[in-house]
Structures are given as structure tokens and as C-alpha cells.
Amino acid sequence: MSEQQPVPRPSHAGGPPREGRSGPPGAGGPPGGRRGKRQYFRKKKVCRFCVEKVDFIDYKKVEMLQPFVQERGKILPRRMTGTCSKHQRWLGVAVKRARNIALLPFATEL
């Protein structure tokens, strides 16, 4: 019988190291950075319900809920609307209640 020698494997799961790279891992892109370009700062979104000091989001006020629902019936995420986590939860409950009594659509056809 012939003895087979084990194949050496790298100890890390990422595969063999890449050659010809400089800088820390994850720092992609061309060298030099973005020094000459203008950076775009997005205006910080503020929760509309916190500003208005809303204690309860009423599911019967459809005109208040519609800006937070897409045309297809999906609830918009916090990162798009700027609502805080507490009011986003309340908003989700209110939209679901409004859907159940047919004030808002569940989904629309394309």
C-alpha cells in the first residue's frame, strides 16, 4: 500500500491570502481616498410623532398612516421614514389594524 500524505490546508476559512494588496483588510478602492471630492451629508431624520408629541397612533386616521405605507401596501422601514423604534412599532400595529377593517389595502396588483 502507498501512503498518502495529508494535504496542508490553511487555518483560516477565507482562503489563501491575496498578494499585491496594501492597507488593512476591508479597505477597498483605489489608493488616495476621497480627498478631492465633496462629501454628502444627509439631513438627520426626526420622528414626526415625537415632534408632535403623539401619545397614540390612531388606526382610523388613514391620512396620517398613508405616508408611511408604500403604494403596494408595504410599511416603510424606519431608515426611510425616520420614525423612532417605539413609534415604528405603534405604526405597524395601526397599519395592520387598518388593513383588517379594510381602511388600507393589504397589497395591490401590478
C-alpha atoms as a PDB file:
ATOM      1  CA  MET A   1       0.000   0.000   0.000  1.00  0.00           C
ATOM      2  CA  SER A   2       1.110   3.505  -0.690  1.00  0.00           C
ATOM      3  CA  GLU A   3       0.892   6.113   1.996  1.00  0.00           C
ATOM      4  CA  GLN A   4      -0.949   9.253   1.134  1.00  0.00           C
ATOM      5  CA  GLN A   5       0.265  12.401   2.741  1.00  0.00           C
ATOM      6  CA  PRO A   6      -2.354  14.828   4.046  1.00  0.00           C
ATOM      7  CA  VAL A   7      -2.905  17.935   2.016  1.00  0.00           C
ATOM      8  CA  PRO A   8      -1.949  21.055   4.009  1.00  0.00           C
ATOM      9  CA  ARG A   9      -4.911  23.381   4.446  1.00  0.00           C
ATOM     10  CA  PRO A  10      -4.889  26.981   5.562  1.00  0.00           C
ATOM     11  CA  SER A  11      -6.033  27.541   9.132  1.00  0.00           C
ATOM     12  CA  HIS A  12      -8.329  30.414   8.182  1.00  0.00           C
ATOM     13  CA  ALA A  13     -11.619  29.977   6.333  1.00  0.00           C
ATOM     14  CA  GLY A  14     -11.133  32.851   3.919  1.00  0.00           C
ATOM     15  CA  GLY A  15      -8.874  31.009   1.512  1.00  0.00           C
ATOM     16  CA  PRO A  16      -5.301  31.831   0.569  1.00  0.00           C
ATOM     17  CA  PRO A  17      -4.082  35.365   1.243  1.00  0.00           C
ATOM     18  CA  ARG A  18      -4.180  37.698  -1.709  1.00  0.00           C
ATOM     19  CA  GLU A  19      -0.945  39.193  -2.834  1.00  0.00           C
ATOM     20  CA  GLY A  20      -0.299  42.708  -4.032  1.00  0.00           C
ATOM     21  CA  ARG A  21      -2.671  44.399  -1.616  1.00  0.00           C
ATOM     22  CA  SER A  22      -1.802  47.139   0.759  1.00  0.00           C
ATOM     23  CA  GLY A  23      -3.697  48.536   3.685  1.00  0.00           C
ATOM     24  CA  PRO A  24      -5.953  46.942   6.241  1.00  0.00           C
ATOM     25  CA  PRO A  25      -8.454  44.270   5.252  1.00  0.00           C
ATOM     26  CA  GLY A  26     -11.706  45.733   4.010  1.00  0.00           C
ATOM     27  CA  ALA A  27     -10.133  48.945   2.781  1.00  0.00           C
ATOM     28  CA  GLY A  28     -11.009  48.584  -0.874  1.00  0.00           C
ATOM     29  CA  GLY A  29     -10.939  51.058  -3.685  1.00  0.00           C
ATOM     30  CA  PRO A  30      -8.154  52.942  -5.389  1.00  0.00           C
ATOM     31  CA  PRO A  31      -5.334  54.384  -3.290  1.00  0.00           C
ATOM     32  CA  GLY A  32      -5.566  58.030  -2.342  1.00  0.00           C
ATOM     33  CA  GLY A  33      -9.033  58.077  -0.812  1.00  0.00           C
ATOM     34  CA  ARG A  34     -11.701  60.722  -1.403  1.00  0.00           C
ATOM     35  CA  ARG A  35      -9.757  63.849  -0.568  1.00  0.00           C
ATOM     36  CA  GLY A  36     -10.818  65.950  -3.518  1.00  0.00           C
ATOM     37  CA  LYS A  37     -14.483  65.004  -3.564  1.00  0.00           C
ATOM     38  CA  ARG A  38     -17.230  66.692  -1.612  1.00  0.00           C
ATOM     39  CA  GLN A  39     -18.898  64.563   0.973  1.00  0.00           C
ATOM     40  CA  TYR A  40     -22.670  64.463   1.042  1.00  0.00           C
ATOM     41  CA  PHE A  41     -24.248  64.728   4.461  1.00  0.00           C
ATOM     42  CA  ARG A  42     -27.807  63.549   4.741  1.00  0.00           C
ATOM     43  CA  LYS A  43     -30.074  65.562   6.987  1.00  0.00           C
ATOM     44  CA  LYS A  44     -30.859  63.680  10.190  1.00  0.00           C
ATOM     45  CA  LYS A  45     -34.417  62.412  10.137  1.00  0.00           C
ATOM     46  CA  VAL A  46     -36.518  63.204  13.167  1.00  0.00           C
ATOM     47  CA  CYS A  47     -39.506  61.183  14.313  1.00  0.00           C
ATOM     48  CA  ARG A  48     -42.647  63.059  13.309  1.00  0.00           C
ATOM     49  CA  PHE A  49     -44.630  61.552  16.162  1.00  0.00           C
ATOM     50  CA  CYS A  50     -42.046  62.576  18.778  1.00  0.00           C
ATOM     51  CA  VAL A  51     -42.012  66.157  17.469  1.00  0.00           C
ATOM     52  CA  GLU A  52     -45.815  66.353  17.603  1.00  0.00           C
ATOM     53  CA  LYS A  53     -45.812  64.541  20.993  1.00  0.00           C
ATOM     54  CA  VAL A  54     -48.310  61.923  19.818  1.00  0.00           C
ATOM     55  CA  ASP A  55     -49.428  59.574  22.611  1.00  0.00           C
ATOM     56  CA  PHE A  56     -51.382  57.161  20.412  1.00  0.00           C
ATOM     57  CA  ILE A  57     -51.341  56.394  16.684  1.00  0.00           C
ATOM     58  CA  ASP A  58     -54.973  56.008  15.685  1.00  0.00           C
ATOM     59  CA  TYR A  59     -55.577  53.340  13.039  1.00  0.00           C
ATOM     60  CA  LYS A  60     -58.760  55.122  11.901  1.00  0.00           C
ATOM     61  CA  LYS A  61     -56.800  58.171  10.663  1.00  0.00           C
ATOM     62  CA  VAL A  62     -55.820  56.794   7.282  1.00  0.00           C
ATOM     63  CA  GLU A  63     -54.466  60.139   6.042  1.00  0.00           C
ATOM     64  CA  MET A  64     -51.905  60.004   8.864  1.00  0.00           C
ATOM     65  CA  LEU A  65     -50.891  56.406   8.062  1.00  0.00           C
ATOM     66  CA  GLN A  66     -50.621  56.674   4.270  1.00  0.00           C
ATOM     67  CA  PRO A  67     -47.239  58.489   4.143  1.00  0.00           C
ATOM     68  CA  PHE A  68     -45.739  55.506   5.976  1.00  0.00           C
ATOM     69  CA  VAL A  69     -47.120  52.886   3.561  1.00  0.00           C
ATOM     70  CA  GLN A  70     -45.857  52.274   0.020  1.00  0.00           C
ATOM     71  CA  GLU A  71     -48.186  52.275  -2.972  1.00  0.00           C
ATOM     72  CA  ARG A  72     -48.064  48.485  -2.978  1.00  0.00           C
ATOM     73  CA  GLY A  73     -49.199  48.353   0.654  1.00  0.00           C
ATOM     74  CA  LYS A  74     -45.873  47.657   2.367  1.00  0.00           C
ATOM     75  CA  ILE A  75     -44.957  49.500   5.568  1.00  0.00           C
ATOM     76  CA  LEU A  76     -41.905  51.697   5.031  1.00  0.00           C
ATOM     77  CA  PRO A  77     -38.875  50.938   7.234  1.00  0.00           C
ATOM     78  CA  ARG A  78     -37.510  53.269   9.902  1.00  0.00           C
ATOM     79  CA  ARG A  79     -34.439  54.192   7.875  1.00  0.00           C
ATOM     80  CA  MET A  80     -36.692  55.703   5.199  1.00  0.00           C
ATOM     81  CA  THR A  81     -39.303  57.390   7.385  1.00  0.00           C
ATOM     82  CA  GLY A  82     -37.111  58.492  10.284  1.00  0.00           C
ATOM     83  CA  THR A  83     -39.520  57.321  12.974  1.00  0.00           C
ATOM     84  CA  CYS A  84     -38.148  56.133  16.313  1.00  0.00           C
ATOM     85  CA  SER A  85     -38.403  52.459  17.250  1.00  0.00           C
ATOM     86  CA  LYS A  86     -41.300  52.945  19.668  1.00  0.00           C
ATOM     87  CA  HIS A  87     -43.433  54.830  17.149  1.00  0.00           C
ATOM     88  CA  GLN A  88     -42.463  52.446  14.336  1.00  0.00           C
ATOM     89  CA  ARG A  89     -43.895  49.574  16.385  1.00  0.00           C
ATOM     90  CA  TRP A  90     -47.072  51.558  17.085  1.00  0.00           C
ATOM     91  CA  LEU A  91     -47.270  52.461  13.398  1.00  0.00           C
ATOM     92  CA  GLY A  92     -47.004  48.808  12.360  1.00  0.00           C
ATOM     93  CA  VAL A  93     -49.814  47.838  14.727  1.00  0.00           C
ATOM     94  CA  ALA A  94     -52.008  50.712  13.490  1.00  0.00           C
ATOM     95  CA  VAL A  95     -51.425  49.848   9.814  1.00  0.00           C
ATOM     96  CA  LYS A  96     -52.240  46.186  10.449  1.00  0.00           C
ATOM     97  CA  ARG A  97     -55.442  47.121  12.266  1.00  0.00           C
ATOM     98  CA  ALA A  98     -56.419  49.481   9.437  1.00  0.00           C
ATOM     99  CA  ARG A  99     -55.828  46.670   6.934  1.00  0.00           C
ATOM    100  CA  ASN A 100     -58.030  44.289   8.906  1.00  0.00           C
ATOM    101  CA  ILE A 101     -61.022  46.630   8.751  1.00  0.00           C
ATOM    102  CA  ALA A 102     -60.313  47.477   5.083  1.00  0.00           C
ATOM    103  CA  LEU A 103     -59.183  51.075   5.558  1.00  0.00           C
ATOM    104  CA  LEU A 104     -55.817  50.270   3.954  1.00  0.00           C
ATOM    105  CA  PRO A 105     -55.089  47.645   1.290  1.00  0.00           C
ATOM    106  CA  PHE A 106     -53.076  44.530   2.106  1.00  0.00           C
ATOM    107  CA  ALA A 107     -51.423  44.613  -1.320  1.00  0.00           C
ATOM    108  CA  THR A 108     -52.093  45.997  -4.765  1.00  0.00           C
ATOM    109  CA  GLU A 109     -51.760  44.256  -8.106  1.00  0.00           C
ATOM    110  CA  LEU A 110     -49.097  45.336 -10.554  1.00  0.00           C
END
